[in-house]
Amino acid sequence: MTSAPDPSAPSAAAPTGQSATTGITDARRLPTADRAGHFDPADLQVLVLAGGLSYERDVSLRSGRRVLDALRGAGVSAEIRDADAALLPYLEADPPHAVVIALHGATGEDGSLRGVLDLCGVPYVGCDAHAARLAWDKPSAKSLLREAGIPTPDWVVLPQDRFSELGAAAVLDRVASRLGLPLMIKPAQGGSGLGATVVREASALPAAMVGCFGYDSTALVERFIPGTAVAVSIVDLGDGPQALPAVEIVPRNGVYDYAARYTAGLTTWHAPARLDEEVAALVAETALSTYRALSLRDLSRVDLVVDSDNNPQVLGVNVSPGMTETSLLPLAVQAASLNFGVILKSLVVRAASRAAR
């Protein structure tokens, strides 16, 4: 069991000269690949992007440092930079062979940065911009999952302006009547549990909505499913996506919000999760189905709840999961008896190899 950490703790570069996308002469060419298009990791130059301007900047910096240390420990030449105004000139003057995105929140997960990297012809680990945009917008992702037959709790989307125009009290009464109580209120776009609240009484709904609108102009109101909260990390090292052991999340107050994630002692994790073998297999398959339905790539994390009937339901997807020592993906890697640095090395080689095809 592990307790939550102290938050105060610290297309591609073209192989032959010019980028077909931007016309910029590439300062760094891809090393020679073997016949299968693979590179020696020791020949690659990797950039880790961390920081950004989201509410999750501090966690991102910690993730980035962990990724940097793991890559260097695995024999990969890597450096770390912030996603700021100096990034594009750097990419144009000295493009890396691959990028690892350790940015959390909108900066790393809404697809915009990935689109810019595509424009610069710089390959990166993770899904493409389109898939990231879908996964980042929770209502869009849930709709796609529902169409694919993947279970996810019932929900209603409430934009702030419609909420006000139609009358808050009337809307909330109807929502509570339609979905029942308790409810989970959370931003339609966002991460780390920011702005998320469990509402157990109708009288608490207005305050929860106000708190949610502080982080996004659209709220996702979702039926709260009591049960066992788990996270399944998925990696694809070349043989297809593989689900790592599920990590069980046990927040002291029953809600895995921002405080529970990053305040020491408020959460306990079990890796692997304390699930029966058949339930664990069903959770893994549901996570893999989610990964495929959203067209994800390389690595991601699927958050689920296992209800009282042992049926998993998908709560959301993270395409740029935390990478700190006690983040859920590294905990799953450890539970699988794998080496974090070796996995990252394989992923950057795969990203660089995509650029050579």
Protein backbone atom coordinates (compact mmCIF):
# COMPACT_ATOMS: atom_id res chain seq x y z
CA MET A 1 0.00 0.00 0.00
CA THR A 2 1.22 3.49 -0.85
CA SER A 3 0.12 6.82 0.62
CA ALA A 4 -0.35 9.97 -1.44
CA PRO A 5 2.77 12.13 -1.99
CA ASP A 6 3.60 15.58 -0.67
CA PRO A 7 2.88 17.97 -3.57
CA SER A 8 5.78 20.25 -2.56
CA ALA A 9 8.34 17.60 -3.61
CA PRO A 10 10.08 18.59 -6.49
CA SER A 11 4.92 13.72 -38.61
CA ALA A 12 8.52 13.62 -37.94
CA ALA A 13 11.93 15.13 -38.37
CA ALA A 14 12.62 14.15 -41.95
CA PRO A 15 15.56 11.77 -42.46
CA THR A 16 16.77 13.57 -45.56
CA GLY A 17 17.23 17.25 -44.94
CA GLN A 18 13.94 19.10 -45.27
CA SER A 19 10.60 18.69 -43.56
CA ALA A 20 7.85 18.11 -46.11
CA THR A 21 5.39 19.75 -43.70
CA THR A 22 7.20 22.96 -42.80
CA GLY A 23 10.03 23.30 -45.31
CA ILE A 24 12.44 23.89 -42.42
CA THR A 25 15.87 22.37 -42.80
CA ASP A 26 16.29 19.80 -40.03
CA ALA A 27 19.37 20.40 -37.91
CA ARG A 28 19.35 16.86 -36.59
CA ARG A 29 18.82 13.90 -38.88
CA LEU A 30 17.52 10.52 -37.85
CA PRO A 31 20.26 7.97 -37.17
CA THR A 32 20.57 4.97 -39.43
CA ALA A 33 17.80 2.43 -38.91
CA ASP A 34 17.95 -1.31 -39.41
CA ARG A 35 15.88 -3.02 -42.10
CA ALA A 36 12.87 -3.12 -39.77
CA GLY A 37 13.07 0.65 -39.30
CA HIS A 38 14.34 0.43 -35.71
CA PHE A 39 17.05 2.55 -34.14
CA ASP A 40 19.67 2.02 -31.50
CA PRO A 41 18.28 3.99 -28.52
CA ALA A 42 21.78 5.24 -27.76
CA ASP A 43 21.72 7.16 -31.06
CA LEU A 44 18.49 9.00 -30.33
CA GLN A 45 18.04 12.48 -28.88
CA VAL A 46 14.81 12.72 -26.87
CA LEU A 47 13.02 15.78 -25.55
CA VAL A 48 10.77 15.60 -22.46
CA LEU A 49 8.15 18.34 -22.32
CA ALA A 50 6.94 19.28 -18.82
CA GLY A 51 5.49 22.22 -16.97
CA GLY A 52 3.03 24.27 -19.00
CA LEU A 53 0.53 26.76 -17.62
CA SER A 54 -2.27 24.46 -16.43
CA TYR A 55 -3.35 23.98 -12.82
CA GLU A 56 -1.30 20.77 -12.92
CA ARG A 57 2.05 22.42 -13.65
CA ASP A 58 3.76 21.27 -10.44
CA VAL A 59 2.76 17.65 -10.95
CA SER A 60 3.87 17.86 -14.58
CA LEU A 61 7.32 19.07 -13.57
CA ARG A 62 7.65 16.12 -11.22
CA SER A 63 6.48 13.74 -13.95
CA GLY A 64 8.95 15.23 -16.41
CA ARG A 65 11.88 14.87 -14.05
CA ARG A 66 10.98 11.24 -13.39
CA VAL A 67 10.73 10.50 -17.12
CA LEU A 68 14.04 12.25 -17.77
CA ASP A 69 15.85 10.26 -15.07
CA ALA A 70 14.30 6.98 -16.25
CA LEU A 71 15.30 7.56 -19.88
CA ARG A 72 18.85 8.50 -18.96
CA GLY A 73 19.03 5.50 -16.67
CA ALA A 74 18.04 3.33 -19.64
CA GLY A 75 20.85 4.75 -21.77
CA VAL A 76 18.83 7.30 -23.77
CA SER A 77 20.14 10.83 -24.31
CA ALA A 78 17.36 13.13 -23.12
CA GLU A 79 16.74 16.69 -22.00
CA ILE A 80 13.76 18.50 -20.53
CA ARG A 81 12.09 21.74 -21.57
CA ASP A 82 8.96 23.71 -20.77
CA ALA A 83 6.21 24.26 -23.35
CA ASP A 84 6.73 28.00 -23.69
CA ALA A 85 7.52 30.62 -26.34
CA ALA A 86 11.04 29.25 -26.77
CA LEU A 87 9.84 25.77 -27.75
CA LEU A 88 9.08 26.31 -31.45
CA PRO A 89 12.39 28.04 -32.26
CA TYR A 90 14.15 25.20 -30.48
CA LEU A 91 12.26 22.54 -32.44
CA GLU A 92 13.08 24.28 -35.70
CA ALA A 93 16.76 24.77 -34.92
CA ASP A 94 17.51 21.47 -33.18
CA PRO A 95 14.63 19.01 -33.58
CA PRO A 96 14.74 15.92 -31.34
CA HIS A 97 14.22 12.44 -32.71
CA ALA A 98 11.22 11.96 -30.42
CA VAL A 99 9.26 13.83 -27.74
CA VAL A 100 7.77 12.49 -24.52
CA ILE A 101 4.83 14.64 -23.41
CA ALA A 102 4.77 14.83 -19.61
CA LEU A 103 2.38 17.79 -19.60
CA HIS A 104 -0.91 17.37 -17.76
CA GLY A 105 -4.17 19.24 -18.11
CA ALA A 106 -5.19 20.92 -21.35
CA THR A 107 -1.62 21.67 -22.43
CA GLY A 108 -0.70 18.02 -22.66
CA GLU A 109 -4.02 16.33 -23.25
CA ASP A 110 -6.34 18.37 -25.48
CA GLY A 111 -4.44 17.60 -28.69
CA SER A 112 -3.29 21.16 -29.42
CA LEU A 113 0.38 20.58 -28.57
CA ARG A 114 0.37 17.34 -30.54
CA GLY A 115 -0.98 19.25 -33.52
CA VAL A 116 1.88 21.73 -33.25
CA LEU A 117 4.41 18.89 -33.05
CA ASP A 118 2.82 17.42 -36.19
CA LEU A 119 3.22 20.78 -37.94
CA CYS A 120 6.89 20.80 -36.97
CA GLY A 121 7.36 17.24 -38.16
CA VAL A 122 8.48 16.05 -34.72
CA PRO A 123 7.32 12.58 -33.62
CA TYR A 124 6.04 12.01 -30.11
CA VAL A 125 5.03 9.21 -27.78
CA GLY A 126 1.28 8.79 -27.42
CA CYS A 127 -1.90 9.13 -29.43
CA ASP A 128 -2.35 11.64 -32.23
CA ALA A 129 -4.01 15.03 -31.89
CA HIS A 130 -7.46 13.88 -33.01
CA ALA A 131 -7.63 11.02 -30.50
CA ALA A 132 -6.35 13.28 -27.73
CA ARG A 133 -9.10 15.83 -28.43
CA LEU A 134 -11.76 13.13 -28.22
CA ALA A 135 -10.41 11.66 -25.01
CA TRP A 136 -9.98 15.09 -23.39
CA ASP A 137 -13.62 16.04 -23.89
CA LYS A 138 -15.40 13.69 -21.49
CA PRO A 139 -18.90 13.89 -23.05
CA SER A 140 -17.50 13.16 -26.52
CA ALA A 141 -15.47 10.23 -25.23
CA LYS A 142 -18.44 8.83 -23.28
CA SER A 143 -20.67 9.09 -26.33
CA LEU A 144 -18.16 7.18 -28.43
CA LEU A 145 -17.79 4.52 -25.73
CA ARG A 146 -21.54 4.14 -25.41
CA GLU A 147 -21.83 3.68 -29.18
CA ALA A 148 -19.16 0.96 -28.97
CA GLY A 149 -21.12 -0.86 -26.26
CA ILE A 150 -18.62 -0.03 -23.53
CA PRO A 151 -20.32 0.69 -20.18
CA THR A 152 -20.05 4.20 -18.75
CA PRO A 153 -22.33 5.91 -16.20
CA ASP A 154 -25.34 7.86 -17.49
CA TRP A 155 -24.71 11.59 -17.81
CA VAL A 156 -26.02 15.00 -18.74
CA VAL A 157 -23.97 17.89 -20.16
CA LEU A 158 -24.76 21.38 -18.84
CA PRO A 159 -23.09 24.44 -20.40
CA GLN A 160 -22.98 27.34 -17.99
CA ASP A 161 -24.91 29.76 -20.23
CA ARG A 162 -27.78 27.29 -20.84
CA PHE A 163 -27.79 26.47 -17.15
CA SER A 164 -28.34 30.14 -16.30
CA GLU A 165 -30.78 30.93 -19.11
CA LEU A 166 -33.12 28.03 -18.32
CA GLY A 167 -33.11 28.64 -14.59
CA ALA A 168 -30.68 26.86 -12.32
CA ALA A 169 -33.25 25.50 -9.88
CA ALA A 170 -35.50 24.01 -12.57
CA VAL A 171 -32.58 22.45 -14.42
CA LEU A 172 -31.09 20.92 -11.29
CA ASP A 173 -34.45 19.53 -10.19
CA ARG A 174 -34.82 17.82 -13.56
CA VAL A 175 -31.27 16.47 -13.50
CA ALA A 176 -31.70 14.99 -10.04
CA SER A 177 -35.01 13.46 -11.09
CA ARG A 178 -33.53 11.98 -14.29
CA LEU A 179 -30.23 10.61 -12.96
CA GLY A 180 -31.01 10.21 -9.27
CA LEU A 181 -28.67 10.83 -6.36
CA PRO A 182 -25.80 10.70 -5.65
CA LEU A 183 -24.25 12.52 -8.61
CA MET A 184 -20.70 13.28 -9.70
CA ILE A 185 -20.23 16.84 -10.93
CA LYS A 186 -17.03 17.48 -12.89
CA PRO A 187 -15.69 19.71 -15.66
CA ALA A 188 -16.38 18.40 -19.16
CA GLN A 189 -12.70 19.04 -19.86
CA GLY A 190 -10.13 18.76 -17.11
CA GLY A 191 -7.99 16.47 -15.03
CA SER A 192 -6.65 15.69 -11.56
CA GLY A 193 -10.13 15.82 -10.07
CA LEU A 194 -10.13 19.63 -10.17
CA GLY A 195 -13.66 21.00 -9.83
CA ALA A 196 -15.09 17.52 -9.17
CA THR A 197 -17.64 16.98 -6.39
CA VAL A 198 -19.89 14.13 -5.30
CA VAL A 199 -23.39 15.42 -4.53
CA ARG A 200 -25.43 13.25 -2.18
CA GLU A 201 -28.24 15.72 -1.45
CA ALA A 202 -30.07 17.96 -3.90
CA SER A 203 -29.39 20.99 -1.72
CA ALA A 204 -25.65 20.63 -2.45
CA LEU A 205 -26.06 20.74 -6.23
CA PRO A 206 -25.88 24.54 -6.76
CA ALA A 207 -22.58 24.91 -4.90
CA ALA A 208 -21.12 21.93 -6.75
CA MET A 209 -22.06 23.46 -10.09
CA VAL A 210 -20.49 26.79 -9.15
CA GLY A 211 -17.28 25.01 -8.15
CA CYS A 212 -17.24 23.07 -11.41
CA PHE A 213 -17.79 26.19 -13.54
CA GLY A 214 -14.71 27.66 -11.92
CA TYR A 215 -12.66 25.24 -14.04
CA ASP A 216 -14.72 24.86 -17.21
CA SER A 217 -17.71 26.52 -18.82
CA THR A 218 -19.38 23.12 -19.28
CA ALA A 219 -20.23 20.65 -16.54
CA LEU A 220 -20.57 16.90 -16.88
CA VAL A 221 -23.21 15.66 -14.45
CA GLU A 222 -22.80 11.93 -14.10
CA ARG A 223 -24.60 9.27 -12.10
CA PHE A 224 -22.27 8.37 -9.22
CA ILE A 225 -21.54 4.66 -9.15
CA PRO A 226 -20.47 3.34 -5.73
CA GLY A 227 -17.84 0.63 -5.95
CA THR A 228 -14.14 -0.05 -6.28
CA ALA A 229 -12.22 2.65 -8.14
CA VAL A 230 -9.42 1.27 -10.32
CA ALA A 231 -7.04 2.57 -12.97
CA VAL A 232 -5.70 0.42 -15.78
CA SER A 233 -2.57 1.60 -17.58
CA ILE A 234 -2.06 0.34 -21.13
CA VAL A 235 1.19 0.22 -23.08
CA ASP A 236 1.98 -0.94 -26.59
CA LEU A 237 5.62 -1.85 -27.08
CA GLY A 238 5.12 -3.24 -30.57
CA ASP A 239 3.07 -6.39 -30.02
CA GLY A 240 -0.26 -4.69 -29.51
CA PRO A 241 -1.71 -2.94 -26.46
CA GLN A 242 -1.24 -4.72 -23.13
CA ALA A 243 -3.11 -3.93 -19.92
CA LEU A 244 -0.89 -3.65 -16.86
CA PRO A 245 -2.22 -4.77 -13.47
CA ALA A 246 -5.09 -2.59 -12.26
CA VAL A 247 -4.34 -0.20 -9.41
CA GLU A 248 -7.05 0.14 -6.77
CA ILE A 249 -7.68 3.63 -5.43
CA VAL A 250 -8.95 4.06 -1.85
CA PRO A 251 -9.42 7.75 -0.93
CA ARG A 252 -10.08 8.38 2.74
CA ASN A 253 -13.08 10.63 2.03
CA GLY A 254 -14.48 8.35 -0.67
CA VAL A 255 -13.76 10.76 -3.54
CA TYR A 256 -10.54 10.80 -5.59
CA ASP A 257 -10.41 14.58 -5.98
CA TYR A 258 -7.36 16.84 -6.26
CA ALA A 259 -6.71 16.88 -2.51
CA ALA A 260 -6.95 13.09 -2.31
CA ARG A 261 -4.46 12.70 -5.17
CA TYR A 262 -1.79 15.05 -3.91
CA THR A 263 -2.16 15.34 -0.12
CA ALA A 264 -0.10 12.91 1.93
CA GLY A 265 -2.17 10.32 3.77
CA LEU A 266 -5.51 10.99 2.07
CA THR A 267 -5.33 8.06 -0.35
CA THR A 268 -4.11 4.48 -0.28
CA TRP A 269 -3.36 2.49 -3.44
CA HIS A 270 -3.24 -1.27 -3.91
CA ALA A 271 -1.19 -2.56 -6.85
CA PRO A 272 -2.40 -4.92 -8.10
CA ALA A 273 -6.02 -4.17 -7.20
CA ARG A 274 -7.79 -6.51 -4.78
CA LEU A 275 -10.07 -8.03 -7.41
CA ASP A 276 -11.06 -11.61 -8.10
CA GLU A 277 -9.24 -13.06 -11.09
CA GLU A 278 -12.33 -13.08 -13.31
CA VAL A 279 -13.22 -9.49 -12.39
CA ALA A 280 -9.63 -8.34 -12.96
CA ALA A 281 -9.70 -9.93 -16.43
CA LEU A 282 -12.99 -8.20 -17.24
CA VAL A 283 -11.60 -4.85 -16.05
CA ALA A 284 -8.52 -5.30 -18.24
CA GLU A 285 -10.58 -6.20 -21.30
CA THR A 286 -12.89 -3.22 -20.76
CA ALA A 287 -9.87 -0.92 -20.56
CA LEU A 288 -8.40 -2.40 -23.73
CA SER A 289 -11.73 -2.00 -25.54
CA THR A 290 -11.75 1.64 -24.46
CA TYR A 291 -8.20 2.12 -25.73
CA ARG A 292 -9.18 0.72 -29.13
CA ALA A 293 -12.51 2.56 -29.36
CA LEU A 294 -10.80 5.92 -28.83
CA SER A 295 -7.95 5.08 -31.26
CA LEU A 296 -5.28 5.57 -28.61
CA ARG A 297 -1.62 4.75 -29.10
CA ASP A 298 1.53 3.83 -27.17
CA LEU A 299 0.30 4.44 -23.62
CA SER A 300 -2.70 5.70 -21.72
CA ARG A 301 -4.63 5.19 -18.51
CA VAL A 302 -8.28 4.19 -18.26
CA ASP A 303 -10.15 5.03 -15.04
CA LEU A 304 -13.02 2.75 -14.07
CA VAL A 305 -15.29 1.81 -11.19
CA VAL A 306 -16.30 -1.78 -10.45
CA ASP A 307 -19.89 -1.70 -9.19
CA SER A 308 -21.57 -3.93 -6.61
CA ASP A 309 -22.34 -6.52 -9.30
CA ASN A 310 -18.63 -6.67 -10.30
CA ASN A 311 -19.30 -4.89 -13.57
CA PRO A 312 -16.69 -2.29 -14.63
CA GLN A 313 -17.81 1.09 -15.95
CA VAL A 314 -15.45 3.56 -17.60
CA LEU A 315 -15.16 6.98 -15.97
CA GLY A 316 -12.54 8.56 -18.21
CA VAL A 317 -9.26 8.29 -20.06
CA ASN A 318 -5.93 10.04 -19.58
CA VAL A 319 -3.63 10.23 -22.62
CA SER A 320 -0.81 11.90 -20.67
CA PRO A 321 -0.87 10.07 -17.33
CA GLY A 322 1.17 11.10 -14.31
CA MET A 323 4.70 9.72 -14.15
CA THR A 324 5.77 10.54 -10.59
CA GLU A 325 7.00 7.79 -8.25
CA THR A 326 3.50 7.31 -6.83
CA SER A 327 1.46 8.03 -9.96
CA LEU A 328 -0.83 5.26 -11.09
CA LEU A 329 1.03 4.24 -14.26
CA PRO A 330 4.43 3.77 -12.55
CA LEU A 331 2.68 1.83 -9.76
CA ALA A 332 1.20 -0.48 -12.40
CA VAL A 333 4.61 -0.89 -14.05
CA GLN A 334 6.08 -1.88 -10.70
CA ALA A 335 3.22 -4.32 -10.04
CA ALA A 336 3.95 -5.96 -13.40
CA SER A 337 7.64 -6.35 -12.43
CA LEU A 338 8.67 -4.23 -15.41
CA ASN A 339 11.30 -1.51 -15.69
CA PHE A 340 9.93 2.00 -16.17
CA GLY A 341 12.98 3.22 -18.08
CA VAL A 342 12.98 0.24 -20.42
CA ILE A 343 9.32 0.83 -21.27
CA LEU A 344 9.96 4.50 -22.00
CA LYS A 345 12.98 3.60 -24.12
CA SER A 346 10.85 1.23 -26.20
CA LEU A 347 8.18 3.87 -26.66
CA VAL A 348 10.58 6.58 -27.88
CA VAL A 349 12.17 4.10 -30.32
CA ARG A 350 8.68 3.31 -31.66
CA ALA A 351 7.90 7.01 -32.04
CA ALA A 352 11.14 7.70 -33.89
CA SER A 353 10.60 4.63 -36.07
CA ARG A 354 7.20 5.93 -37.16
CA ALA A 355 8.95 9.00 -38.51
CA ALA A 356 11.25 6.91 -40.67
CA ARG A 357 8.46 5.10 -42.48
